[in-house]
């Protein structure tokens, strides 16, 4: 049987970044007009919505990295 892929396998390399990523998630969701459940359970959210949040987070992180590199 194949091993399940997903958020449970992801590890944050820099633990201090966890709070910043969580904040970014909420900012992106707000910009997209998506409500994140207050209880933290995403089971009732559409996969399309959670994917959109994650995709936009990655885009934002890439933009931030590009800006940092261009300033050097």
C-alpha atoms as a PDB file:
ATOM      1  CA  UNK A   1       0.000   0.000   0.000  1.00  0.00           C
ATOM      2  CA  UNK A   2       1.270   3.475  -0.870  1.00  0.00           C
ATOM      3  CA  UNK A   3       2.164   5.848   1.926  1.00  0.00           C
ATOM      4  CA  UNK A   4      -0.242   8.738   2.385  1.00  0.00           C
ATOM      5  CA  UNK A   5       1.124  12.077   1.204  1.00  0.00           C
ATOM      6  CA  UNK A   6      -0.048  15.263   2.829  1.00  0.00           C
ATOM      7  CA  UNK A   7       0.267  17.913   5.462  1.00  0.00           C
ATOM      8  CA  UNK A   8       0.997  15.340   8.146  1.00  0.00           C
ATOM      9  CA  UNK A   9       4.334  14.614   6.496  1.00  0.00           C
ATOM     10  CA  UNK A  10       5.445  18.216   6.081  1.00  0.00           C
ATOM     11  CA  UNK A  11       8.024  19.520   8.497  1.00  0.00           C
ATOM     12  CA  UNK A  12       8.851  23.157   9.054  1.00  0.00           C
ATOM     13  CA  UNK A  13      12.618  23.528   8.827  1.00  0.00           C
ATOM     14  CA  UNK A  14      12.668  26.686  10.950  1.00  0.00           C
ATOM     15  CA  UNK A  15      10.173  26.275  13.819  1.00  0.00           C
ATOM     16  CA  UNK A  16       9.997  30.049  14.396  1.00  0.00           C
ATOM     17  CA  UNK A  17       8.437  30.365  10.922  1.00  0.00           C
ATOM     18  CA  UNK A  18       5.305  28.433  11.910  1.00  0.00           C
ATOM     19  CA  UNK A  19       3.534  31.519  13.280  1.00  0.00           C
ATOM     20  CA  UNK A  20       4.390  33.553  10.177  1.00  0.00           C
ATOM     21  CA  UNK A  21       3.089  30.833   7.862  1.00  0.00           C
ATOM     22  CA  UNK A  22      -0.110  30.581   9.870  1.00  0.00           C
ATOM     23  CA  UNK A  23      -0.591  34.353   9.609  1.00  0.00           C
ATOM     24  CA  UNK A  24       0.105  34.253   5.874  1.00  0.00           C
ATOM     25  CA  UNK A  25      -2.515  31.511   5.474  1.00  0.00           C
ATOM     26  CA  UNK A  26      -5.181  33.681   7.086  1.00  0.00           C
ATOM     27  CA  UNK A  27      -4.158  36.752   5.053  1.00  0.00           C
ATOM     28  CA  UNK A  28      -4.363  34.835   1.779  1.00  0.00           C
ATOM     29  CA  UNK A  29      -7.697  33.257   2.711  1.00  0.00           C
ATOM     30  CA  UNK A  30      -9.113  36.689   3.551  1.00  0.00           C
ATOM     31  CA  UNK A  31      -7.910  38.102   0.206  1.00  0.00           C
ATOM     32  CA  UNK A  32      -9.580  35.191  -1.601  1.00  0.00           C
ATOM     33  CA  UNK A  33     -12.791  35.569   0.403  1.00  0.00           C
ATOM     34  CA  UNK A  34     -12.474  32.120   1.976  1.00  0.00           C
ATOM     35  CA  UNK A  35     -13.430  31.565   5.614  1.00  0.00           C
ATOM     36  CA  UNK A  36     -11.083  29.306   7.566  1.00  0.00           C
ATOM     37  CA  UNK A  37     -12.886  27.332  10.290  1.00  0.00           C
ATOM     38  CA  UNK A  38     -12.207  28.689  13.772  1.00  0.00           C
ATOM     39  CA  UNK A  39     -11.912  25.178  15.199  1.00  0.00           C
ATOM     40  CA  UNK A  40      -9.085  24.318  12.798  1.00  0.00           C
ATOM     41  CA  UNK A  41     -10.948  21.402  11.187  1.00  0.00           C
ATOM     42  CA  UNK A  42     -10.692  21.629   7.410  1.00  0.00           C
ATOM     43  CA  UNK A  43     -12.808  18.522   6.670  1.00  0.00           C
ATOM     44  CA  UNK A  44     -15.800  20.577   5.591  1.00  0.00           C
ATOM     45  CA  UNK A  45     -13.816  22.903   3.322  1.00  0.00           C
ATOM     46  CA  UNK A  46     -13.754  22.278  -0.402  1.00  0.00           C
ATOM     47  CA  UNK A  47     -10.484  20.929  -1.731  1.00  0.00           C
ATOM     48  CA  UNK A  48     -10.594  23.709  -4.295  1.00  0.00           C
ATOM     49  CA  UNK A  49     -10.523  26.320  -1.529  1.00  0.00           C
ATOM     50  CA  UNK A  50      -7.710  24.754   0.484  1.00  0.00           C
ATOM     51  CA  UNK A  51      -5.703  24.289  -2.709  1.00  0.00           C
ATOM     52  CA  UNK A  52      -6.246  27.908  -3.671  1.00  0.00           C
ATOM     53  CA  UNK A  53      -4.992  29.071  -0.285  1.00  0.00           C
ATOM     54  CA  UNK A  54      -1.899  26.873  -0.493  1.00  0.00           C
ATOM     55  CA  UNK A  55      -1.166  27.862  -4.081  1.00  0.00           C
ATOM     56  CA  UNK A  56      -1.406  31.559  -3.338  1.00  0.00           C
ATOM     57  CA  UNK A  57       0.782  31.118  -0.257  1.00  0.00           C
ATOM     58  CA  UNK A  58       3.483  29.519  -2.394  1.00  0.00           C
ATOM     59  CA  UNK A  59       3.249  32.317  -4.966  1.00  0.00           C
ATOM     60  CA  UNK A  60       3.596  34.918  -2.224  1.00  0.00           C
ATOM     61  CA  UNK A  61       6.587  33.117  -0.673  1.00  0.00           C
ATOM     62  CA  UNK A  62       8.302  32.871  -4.074  1.00  0.00           C
ATOM     63  CA  UNK A  63       7.730  36.601  -4.667  1.00  0.00           C
ATOM     64  CA  UNK A  64       9.207  37.394  -1.258  1.00  0.00           C
ATOM     65  CA  UNK A  65      12.271  35.238  -1.987  1.00  0.00           C
ATOM     66  CA  UNK A  66      12.737  36.853  -5.400  1.00  0.00           C
ATOM     67  CA  UNK A  67      12.592  40.328  -3.851  1.00  0.00           C
ATOM     68  CA  UNK A  68      15.136  39.346  -1.221  1.00  0.00           C
ATOM     69  CA  UNK A  69      17.499  37.939  -3.838  1.00  0.00           C
ATOM     70  CA  UNK A  70      17.139  40.959  -6.130  1.00  0.00           C
ATOM     71  CA  UNK A  71      18.063  43.323  -3.280  1.00  0.00           C
ATOM     72  CA  UNK A  72      21.422  41.618  -2.781  1.00  0.00           C
END
